[in-house]
Amino acid sequence: MSDDSTKRVREAVDAIYRSESRRVFATLIRLLGDFDLAEEALHDAFRAALEQWPRDGVPTNPRAWLVSAGRFKAIDGIRRRAVRATGFALEAALYLPGAPAWG
């Protein structure tokens, strides 16, 4: 993609951020039920837009795209943390007194 079209997409993302970010944020809070998680998801969605829109073009409904991207990014983060926590719990259980010997 040319520098000119990349610049146009960046300007579009900036304009969309100014006009839609509060609505996207409010929707993410409602969907995710957590202010901090919604804020992180909002920033992840705009970062994804900056990466994908120059390549794929600005979607017809950017607000819906951002809400979906933010929601999916948040769900992915929740899953990663859950897997990590489960792994830590299993590893810690191996070192508890009376834990079965493996191997």
Protein backbone atom coordinates (compact mmCIF):
# COMPACT_ATOMS: atom_id res chain seq x y z
CA MET A 1 0.00 0.00 0.00
CA SER A 2 1.31 3.46 -0.82
CA ASP A 3 2.34 6.00 1.79
CA ASP A 4 -0.49 8.26 0.66
CA SER A 5 -3.19 5.63 1.15
CA THR A 6 -1.67 4.59 4.50
CA LYS A 7 -1.81 8.23 5.56
CA ARG A 8 -5.47 8.46 4.50
CA VAL A 9 -6.33 5.35 6.52
CA ARG A 10 -4.50 6.73 9.56
CA GLU A 11 -6.44 9.99 9.23
CA ALA A 12 -9.68 7.98 8.96
CA VAL A 13 -8.78 6.01 12.11
CA ASP A 14 -8.02 9.27 13.93
CA ALA A 15 -11.38 10.74 12.87
CA ILE A 16 -13.22 7.56 13.84
CA TYR A 17 -11.45 7.55 17.21
CA ARG A 18 -12.60 11.11 17.89
CA SER A 19 -16.18 10.48 16.79
CA GLU A 20 -16.83 6.87 17.84
CA SER A 21 -14.45 5.86 20.64
CA ARG A 22 -16.84 6.83 23.47
CA ARG A 23 -19.66 4.76 21.96
CA VAL A 24 -17.35 1.82 21.26
CA PHE A 25 -16.03 2.06 24.82
CA ALA A 26 -19.55 2.18 26.33
CA THR A 27 -20.60 -0.83 24.27
CA LEU A 28 -17.50 -2.78 25.34
CA ILE A 29 -18.19 -1.97 29.00
CA ARG A 30 -21.73 -3.28 28.58
CA LEU A 31 -20.57 -6.43 26.76
CA LEU A 32 -17.58 -7.22 28.95
CA GLY A 33 -18.88 -5.97 32.29
CA ASP A 34 -15.48 -4.57 33.28
CA PHE A 35 -14.28 -0.99 32.84
CA ASP A 36 -10.54 -1.80 32.74
CA LEU A 37 -11.00 -4.74 30.39
CA ALA A 38 -13.15 -2.58 28.09
CA GLU A 39 -10.52 0.16 28.04
CA GLU A 40 -7.80 -2.34 27.12
CA ALA A 41 -10.06 -3.87 24.47
CA LEU A 42 -10.76 -0.43 22.98
CA HIS A 43 -7.06 0.26 22.54
CA ASP A 44 -6.44 -3.24 21.16
CA ALA A 45 -9.25 -2.74 18.62
CA PHE A 46 -7.83 0.56 17.38
CA ARG A 47 -4.35 -0.97 17.19
CA ALA A 48 -5.80 -3.82 15.10
CA ALA A 49 -7.53 -1.24 12.87
CA LEU A 50 -4.23 0.52 12.25
CA GLU A 51 -2.69 -2.81 11.26
CA GLN A 52 -5.54 -4.24 9.15
CA TRP A 53 -7.33 -1.31 7.54
CA PRO A 54 -4.39 -0.17 5.41
CA ARG A 55 -4.31 -3.67 3.94
CA ASP A 56 -8.04 -4.49 3.83
CA GLY A 57 -9.62 -1.04 3.62
CA VAL A 58 -11.83 0.79 6.10
CA PRO A 59 -14.95 -1.33 6.78
CA THR A 60 -18.42 -0.10 5.88
CA ASN A 61 -19.36 0.10 9.58
CA PRO A 62 -16.14 0.91 11.47
CA ARG A 63 -17.86 1.16 14.87
CA ALA A 64 -19.26 -2.36 14.59
CA TRP A 65 -15.88 -3.62 13.41
CA LEU A 66 -14.16 -1.99 16.41
CA VAL A 67 -16.70 -3.39 18.89
CA SER A 68 -16.28 -6.89 17.45
CA ALA A 69 -12.50 -6.64 17.35
CA GLY A 70 -12.37 -5.30 20.91
CA ARG A 71 -14.69 -8.00 22.19
CA PHE A 72 -12.70 -10.77 20.53
CA LYS A 73 -9.39 -9.31 21.75
CA ALA A 74 -10.78 -9.21 25.31
CA ILE A 75 -12.03 -12.80 25.09
CA ASP A 76 -8.64 -13.93 23.79
CA GLY A 77 -6.95 -12.16 26.71
CA ILE A 78 -9.31 -13.75 29.23
CA ARG A 79 -8.61 -17.18 27.77
CA ARG A 80 -4.83 -16.63 27.82
CA ARG A 81 -4.95 -15.55 31.47
CA ALA A 82 -7.13 -18.53 32.38
CA VAL A 83 -4.78 -20.99 30.69
CA ARG A 84 -1.78 -19.35 32.33
CA ALA A 85 -3.47 -19.44 35.76
CA THR A 86 -4.45 -23.09 35.28
CA GLY A 87 -0.91 -23.96 34.27
CA PHE A 88 0.49 -22.19 37.33
CA ALA A 89 -2.01 -23.92 39.60
CA LEU A 90 -1.15 -27.34 38.18
CA GLU A 91 2.56 -26.66 38.47
CA ALA A 92 2.16 -25.45 42.06
CA ALA A 93 0.12 -28.54 42.94
CA LEU A 94 3.05 -30.73 41.91
CA TYR A 95 5.17 -29.18 44.64
CA LEU A 96 2.63 -29.43 47.46
CA PRO A 97 3.42 -31.86 50.26
CA GLY A 98 1.71 -35.17 49.61
CA ALA A 99 1.34 -34.52 45.88
CA PRO A 100 1.65 -37.67 43.78
CA ALA A 101 5.02 -38.26 42.20
CA TRP A 102 4.88 -38.05 38.41
CA GLY A 103 7.26 -39.70 36.08
